[in-house]
Amino acid sequence: MIETERGRVTLPRYPFPARKTRVLERGDISEIIDWYPPAIVTKGGEVLLASRTELESLKTFCREHGIPFTRRYDVWADLLDPFLDTELSSEDQAANRKRLKERGSLTDAEIDAIRAKVDKRMMWMTVATWEWQHYGLYDVLSAMKPKFFSGRASWRSFYAQAMKIALRSETFPDDDQNIDT
């Protein structure tokens, strides 16, 4: 549960990159994105994920503190679509790639490299969950997080890359700061 009080957001035992409580002052937050799950973007470029049940609290927090509540294209959702337990038609695959190139500013080579990097872990996640509707940033971070200390350096590198990829899209202009929807 997120605690919002006195101009700060507290995320207890936040799992990424390490399980610790994260406290964000109002001045640390640049925007909150209406993704599934909602995302809190820090001024340092980190994307922290909150529970969907906290959406109304986050909207209220935005209104009270003048923080933009935005809608952005979810790059990770499209990057991870091929790993869902769903068969995508060739038309769906082409539309997915087109969105990634146009809205996510990714090249074909970048799309292929990112998917190759997460392939095994995301496939294992699908085998374990049979997820067929949505994967996003939370899912790829969960899948890629090392189980042992030996993978920490590569994890931190992946985490930094994942944050940059998540923010490679612009907000949807018609919905920027529309927190009453």
C-alpha atoms as a PDB file:
ATOM      1  CA  MET A   1       0.000   0.000   0.000  1.00  0.00           C
ATOM      2  CA  ILE A   2       1.220   3.479  -0.846  1.00  0.00           C
ATOM      3  CA  GLU A   3       1.173   6.023   1.920  1.00  0.00           C
ATOM      4  CA  THR A   4       0.691   9.610   0.765  1.00  0.00           C
ATOM      5  CA  GLU A   5       1.123  12.261   3.409  1.00  0.00           C
ATOM      6  CA  ARG A   6       2.624  15.711   3.720  1.00  0.00           C
ATOM      7  CA  GLY A   7       3.734  15.860   0.104  1.00  0.00           C
ATOM      8  CA  ARG A   8       5.440  12.490  -0.079  1.00  0.00           C
ATOM      9  CA  VAL A   9       4.769   9.025  -1.398  1.00  0.00           C
ATOM     10  CA  THR A  10       6.020   5.994   0.501  1.00  0.00           C
ATOM     11  CA  LEU A  11       6.385   2.645  -1.239  1.00  0.00           C
ATOM     12  CA  PRO A  12       6.964   0.058   1.507  1.00  0.00           C
ATOM     13  CA  ARG A  13       9.426  -2.740   0.680  1.00  0.00           C
ATOM     14  CA  TYR A  14       9.673  -1.723  -2.979  1.00  0.00           C
ATOM     15  CA  PRO A  15      11.163  -4.722  -4.845  1.00  0.00           C
ATOM     16  CA  PHE A  16      13.293  -2.958  -7.483  1.00  0.00           C
ATOM     17  CA  PRO A  17      16.226  -2.736  -7.598  1.00  0.00           C
ATOM     18  CA  ALA A  18      16.413  -3.968  -3.982  1.00  0.00           C
ATOM     19  CA  ARG A  19      13.678  -4.662  -1.452  1.00  0.00           C
ATOM     20  CA  LYS A  20      13.623  -1.482   0.609  1.00  0.00           C
ATOM     21  CA  THR A  21      11.133   1.217   1.493  1.00  0.00           C
ATOM     22  CA  ARG A  22      11.212   4.081  -0.983  1.00  0.00           C
ATOM     23  CA  VAL A  23      10.171   7.550   0.170  1.00  0.00           C
ATOM     24  CA  LEU A  24       9.616  10.183  -2.504  1.00  0.00           C
ATOM     25  CA  GLU A  25       9.152  13.843  -1.679  1.00  0.00           C
ATOM     26  CA  ARG A  26       6.852  15.828  -3.950  1.00  0.00           C
ATOM     27  CA  GLY A  27       9.921  17.529  -5.442  1.00  0.00           C
ATOM     28  CA  ASP A  28      11.388  14.145  -6.432  1.00  0.00           C
ATOM     29  CA  ILE A  29       8.432  13.296  -8.699  1.00  0.00           C
ATOM     30  CA  SER A  30       8.199  14.600 -12.264  1.00  0.00           C
ATOM     31  CA  GLU A  31       4.970  12.823 -13.271  1.00  0.00           C
ATOM     32  CA  ILE A  32       2.680   9.913 -12.555  1.00  0.00           C
ATOM     33  CA  ILE A  33       1.651   7.784 -15.525  1.00  0.00           C
ATOM     34  CA  ASP A  34      -1.650   5.982 -15.938  1.00  0.00           C
ATOM     35  CA  TRP A  35      -0.178   2.622 -16.907  1.00  0.00           C
ATOM     36  CA  TYR A  36      -1.025  -0.838 -15.717  1.00  0.00           C
ATOM     37  CA  PRO A  37       0.228  -0.655 -13.019  1.00  0.00           C
ATOM     38  CA  PRO A  38       0.539   3.118 -12.431  1.00  0.00           C
ATOM     39  CA  ALA A  39       4.069   4.493 -12.647  1.00  0.00           C
ATOM     40  CA  ILE A  40       5.752   7.238 -10.643  1.00  0.00           C
ATOM     41  CA  VAL A  41       8.533   8.916 -12.604  1.00  0.00           C
ATOM     42  CA  THR A  42      11.288  10.501 -10.547  1.00  0.00           C
ATOM     43  CA  LYS A  43      13.278  13.516 -11.640  1.00  0.00           C
ATOM     44  CA  GLY A  44      16.272  11.164 -11.765  1.00  0.00           C
ATOM     45  CA  GLY A  45      14.564   9.126 -14.520  1.00  0.00           C
ATOM     46  CA  GLU A  46      13.528   6.144 -12.449  1.00  0.00           C
ATOM     47  CA  VAL A  47      10.105   4.600 -13.031  1.00  0.00           C
ATOM     48  CA  LEU A  48       8.584   3.180  -9.839  1.00  0.00           C
ATOM     49  CA  LEU A  49       5.453   1.079 -10.062  1.00  0.00           C
ATOM     50  CA  ALA A  50       2.467   1.241  -7.726  1.00  0.00           C
ATOM     51  CA  SER A  51      -0.521  -1.016  -7.259  1.00  0.00           C
ATOM     52  CA  ARG A  52      -3.505  -0.343  -9.525  1.00  0.00           C
ATOM     53  CA  THR A  53      -5.611  -0.138  -6.345  1.00  0.00           C
ATOM     54  CA  GLU A  54      -3.697   3.063  -5.499  1.00  0.00           C
ATOM     55  CA  LEU A  55      -4.764   4.866  -8.693  1.00  0.00           C
ATOM     56  CA  GLU A  56      -7.318   7.177  -7.059  1.00  0.00           C
ATOM     57  CA  SER A  57      -4.902   8.070  -4.248  1.00  0.00           C
ATOM     58  CA  LEU A  58      -2.249   8.892  -6.835  1.00  0.00           C
ATOM     59  CA  LYS A  59      -4.670  11.072  -8.811  1.00  0.00           C
ATOM     60  CA  THR A  60      -5.563  12.947  -5.627  1.00  0.00           C
ATOM     61  CA  PHE A  61      -1.875  13.335  -4.793  1.00  0.00           C
ATOM     62  CA  CYS A  62      -1.269  14.789  -8.266  1.00  0.00           C
ATOM     63  CA  ARG A  63      -4.133  17.278  -7.907  1.00  0.00           C
ATOM     64  CA  GLU A  64      -3.034  18.377  -4.439  1.00  0.00           C
ATOM     65  CA  HIS A  65       0.627  18.834  -5.372  1.00  0.00           C
ATOM     66  CA  GLY A  66       0.503  20.030  -8.957  1.00  0.00           C
ATOM     67  CA  ILE A  67       2.141  16.913 -10.396  1.00  0.00           C
ATOM     68  CA  PRO A  68       1.234  15.974 -13.971  1.00  0.00           C
ATOM     69  CA  PHE A  69      -0.869  12.819 -14.234  1.00  0.00           C
ATOM     70  CA  THR A  70      -0.230  11.598 -17.765  1.00  0.00           C
ATOM     71  CA  ARG A  71      -0.908   8.828 -20.210  1.00  0.00           C
ATOM     72  CA  ARG A  72       2.073   7.542 -22.149  1.00  0.00           C
ATOM     73  CA  TYR A  73       2.559   4.855 -24.706  1.00  0.00           C
ATOM     74  CA  ASP A  74       3.740   1.749 -22.823  1.00  0.00           C
ATOM     75  CA  VAL A  75       6.858   0.649 -24.705  1.00  0.00           C
ATOM     76  CA  TRP A  76       7.437  -2.403 -22.504  1.00  0.00           C
ATOM     77  CA  ALA A  77       3.899  -3.714 -23.087  1.00  0.00           C
ATOM     78  CA  ASP A  78       4.541  -3.900 -26.824  1.00  0.00           C
ATOM     79  CA  LEU A  79       8.099  -5.197 -26.411  1.00  0.00           C
ATOM     80  CA  LEU A  80       6.785  -8.076 -24.306  1.00  0.00           C
ATOM     81  CA  ASP A  81       3.681  -8.964 -26.354  1.00  0.00           C
ATOM     82  CA  PRO A  82       5.427 -11.872 -28.139  1.00  0.00           C
ATOM     83  CA  PHE A  83       5.971 -13.560 -24.754  1.00  0.00           C
ATOM     84  CA  LEU A  84       2.296 -13.676 -23.791  1.00  0.00           C
ATOM     85  CA  ASP A  85       0.510 -17.015 -23.956  1.00  0.00           C
ATOM     86  CA  THR A  86      -1.350 -15.787 -27.034  1.00  0.00           C
ATOM     87  CA  GLU A  87      -0.755 -16.337 -30.712  1.00  0.00           C
ATOM     88  CA  LEU A  88      -0.258 -13.043 -32.548  1.00  0.00           C
ATOM     89  CA  SER A  89      -1.199 -12.857 -36.209  1.00  0.00           C
ATOM     90  CA  SER A  90       1.359 -11.518 -38.659  1.00  0.00           C
ATOM     91  CA  GLU A  91      -0.769  -8.352 -38.881  1.00  0.00           C
ATOM     92  CA  ASP A  92      -0.680  -7.945 -35.079  1.00  0.00           C
ATOM     93  CA  GLN A  93       3.089  -8.463 -35.077  1.00  0.00           C
ATOM     94  CA  ALA A  94       3.550  -5.856 -37.810  1.00  0.00           C
ATOM     95  CA  ALA A  95       1.303  -3.349 -35.991  1.00  0.00           C
ATOM     96  CA  ASN A  96       3.215  -3.990 -32.757  1.00  0.00           C
ATOM     97  CA  ARG A  97       6.562  -3.342 -34.434  1.00  0.00           C
ATOM     98  CA  LYS A  98       5.195  -0.216 -36.137  1.00  0.00           C
ATOM     99  CA  ARG A  99       4.043   1.212 -32.773  1.00  0.00           C
ATOM    100  CA  LEU A 100       7.433   0.471 -31.225  1.00  0.00           C
ATOM    101  CA  LYS A 101       9.173   2.309 -34.049  1.00  0.00           C
ATOM    102  CA  GLU A 102       6.806   5.284 -34.239  1.00  0.00           C
ATOM    103  CA  ARG A 103       5.745   5.797 -30.620  1.00  0.00           C
ATOM    104  CA  GLY A 104       8.700   4.216 -28.834  1.00  0.00           C
ATOM    105  CA  SER A 105      11.420   5.511 -31.159  1.00  0.00           C
ATOM    106  CA  LEU A 106      13.010   2.070 -31.381  1.00  0.00           C
ATOM    107  CA  THR A 107      14.755   0.629 -34.414  1.00  0.00           C
ATOM    108  CA  ASP A 108      14.225  -2.932 -35.629  1.00  0.00           C
ATOM    109  CA  ALA A 109      17.699  -3.826 -34.338  1.00  0.00           C
ATOM    110  CA  GLU A 110      16.895  -2.420 -30.870  1.00  0.00           C
ATOM    111  CA  ILE A 111      13.569  -4.256 -30.718  1.00  0.00           C
ATOM    112  CA  ASP A 112      15.239  -7.546 -31.650  1.00  0.00           C
ATOM    113  CA  ALA A 113      18.149  -7.036 -29.221  1.00  0.00           C
ATOM    114  CA  ILE A 114      15.885  -6.196 -26.271  1.00  0.00           C
ATOM    115  CA  ARG A 115      13.603  -9.153 -26.947  1.00  0.00           C
ATOM    116  CA  ALA A 116      16.589 -11.476 -27.304  1.00  0.00           C
ATOM    117  CA  LYS A 117      17.984 -10.267 -23.980  1.00  0.00           C
ATOM    118  CA  VAL A 118      14.778 -11.017 -22.057  1.00  0.00           C
ATOM    119  CA  ASP A 119      13.655 -14.042 -24.091  1.00  0.00           C
ATOM    120  CA  LYS A 120      14.533 -16.937 -21.760  1.00  0.00           C
ATOM    121  CA  ARG A 121      13.387 -15.270 -18.549  1.00  0.00           C
ATOM    122  CA  MET A 122      10.112 -14.041 -20.062  1.00  0.00           C
ATOM    123  CA  MET A 123       9.402 -17.463 -21.533  1.00  0.00           C
ATOM    124  CA  TRP A 124       9.939 -19.018 -18.096  1.00  0.00           C
ATOM    125  CA  MET A 125       7.554 -16.459 -16.635  1.00  0.00           C
ATOM    126  CA  THR A 126       4.922 -17.375 -19.196  1.00  0.00           C
ATOM    127  CA  VAL A 127       5.347 -21.071 -18.477  1.00  0.00           C
ATOM    128  CA  ALA A 128       4.858 -20.326 -14.770  1.00  0.00           C
ATOM    129  CA  THR A 129       1.927 -17.905 -15.108  1.00  0.00           C
ATOM    130  CA  TRP A 130       0.239 -18.645 -18.445  1.00  0.00           C
ATOM    131  CA  GLU A 131      -0.226 -14.881 -18.718  1.00  0.00           C
ATOM    132  CA  TRP A 132      -2.100 -14.048 -21.896  1.00  0.00           C
ATOM    133  CA  GLN A 133      -3.246 -10.436 -21.472  1.00  0.00           C
ATOM    134  CA  HIS A 134      -0.493  -8.068 -20.365  1.00  0.00           C
ATOM    135  CA  TYR A 135       3.181  -7.900 -19.564  1.00  0.00           C
ATOM    136  CA  GLY A 136       4.851  -4.620 -18.735  1.00  0.00           C
ATOM    137  CA  LEU A 137       7.799  -3.056 -16.933  1.00  0.00           C
ATOM    138  CA  TYR A 138       6.963  -4.741 -13.610  1.00  0.00           C
ATOM    139  CA  ASP A 139       6.939  -8.156 -15.268  1.00  0.00           C
ATOM    140  CA  VAL A 140      10.240  -7.773 -17.088  1.00  0.00           C
ATOM    141  CA  LEU A 141      11.908  -6.441 -13.926  1.00  0.00           C
ATOM    142  CA  SER A 142      10.524  -9.394 -11.960  1.00  0.00           C
ATOM    143  CA  ALA A 143      11.704 -11.858 -14.588  1.00  0.00           C
ATOM    144  CA  MET A 144      15.179 -10.363 -14.955  1.00  0.00           C
ATOM    145  CA  LYS A 145      15.916  -9.763 -11.263  1.00  0.00           C
ATOM    146  CA  PRO A 146      18.680 -12.146 -10.195  1.00  0.00           C
ATOM    147  CA  LYS A 147      17.946 -14.814  -7.653  1.00  0.00           C
ATOM    148  CA  PHE A 148      21.513 -14.754  -6.336  1.00  0.00           C
ATOM    149  CA  PHE A 149      24.087 -12.054  -5.554  1.00  0.00           C
ATOM    150  CA  SER A 150      26.300 -13.073  -8.468  1.00  0.00           C
ATOM    151  CA  GLY A 151      24.039 -11.322 -10.985  1.00  0.00           C
ATOM    152  CA  ARG A 152      23.919  -7.916  -9.310  1.00  0.00           C
ATOM    153  CA  ALA A 153      26.146  -5.965 -11.728  1.00  0.00           C
ATOM    154  CA  SER A 154      24.270  -7.121 -14.825  1.00  0.00           C
ATOM    155  CA  TRP A 155      20.955  -6.540 -13.003  1.00  0.00           C
ATOM    156  CA  ARG A 156      21.792  -2.912 -12.221  1.00  0.00           C
ATOM    157  CA  SER A 157      22.805  -2.385 -15.845  1.00  0.00           C
ATOM    158  CA  PHE A 158      19.561  -3.963 -17.073  1.00  0.00           C
ATOM    159  CA  TYR A 159      17.525  -1.948 -14.558  1.00  0.00           C
ATOM    160  CA  ALA A 160      19.037   1.335 -15.827  1.00  0.00           C
ATOM    161  CA  GLN A 161      18.385   0.297 -19.443  1.00  0.00           C
ATOM    162  CA  ALA A 162      14.784  -0.706 -18.608  1.00  0.00           C
ATOM    163  CA  MET A 163      14.117   2.742 -17.102  1.00  0.00           C
ATOM    164  CA  LYS A 164      15.395   4.495 -20.221  1.00  0.00           C
ATOM    165  CA  ILE A 165      13.336   2.259 -22.490  1.00  0.00           C
ATOM    166  CA  ALA A 166      10.189   2.867 -20.416  1.00  0.00           C
ATOM    167  CA  LEU A 167      10.514   6.609 -20.927  1.00  0.00           C
ATOM    168  CA  ARG A 168      11.249   6.536 -24.674  1.00  0.00           C
ATOM    169  CA  SER A 169       7.769   7.696 -25.490  1.00  0.00           C
ATOM    170  CA  GLU A 170       5.916  10.945 -25.256  1.00  0.00           C
ATOM    171  CA  THR A 171       2.697  11.526 -23.409  1.00  0.00           C
ATOM    172  CA  PHE A 172      -0.592  11.351 -25.250  1.00  0.00           C
ATOM    173  CA  PRO A 173      -1.245  15.081 -25.698  1.00  0.00           C
ATOM    174  CA  ASP A 174      -5.038  14.991 -25.384  1.00  0.00           C
ATOM    175  CA  ASP A 175      -4.891  13.283 -22.006  1.00  0.00           C
ATOM    176  CA  ASP A 176      -1.996  15.090 -20.346  1.00  0.00           C
ATOM    177  CA  GLN A 177      -2.984  16.041 -16.809  1.00  0.00           C
ATOM    178  CA  ASN A 178      -6.532  14.782 -17.308  1.00  0.00           C
ATOM    179  CA  ILE A 179      -6.932  13.301 -13.855  1.00  0.00           C
ATOM    180  CA  ASP A 180     -10.713  13.237 -13.772  1.00  0.00           C
ATOM    181  CA  THR A 181     -11.050  10.254 -16.098  1.00  0.00           C
END
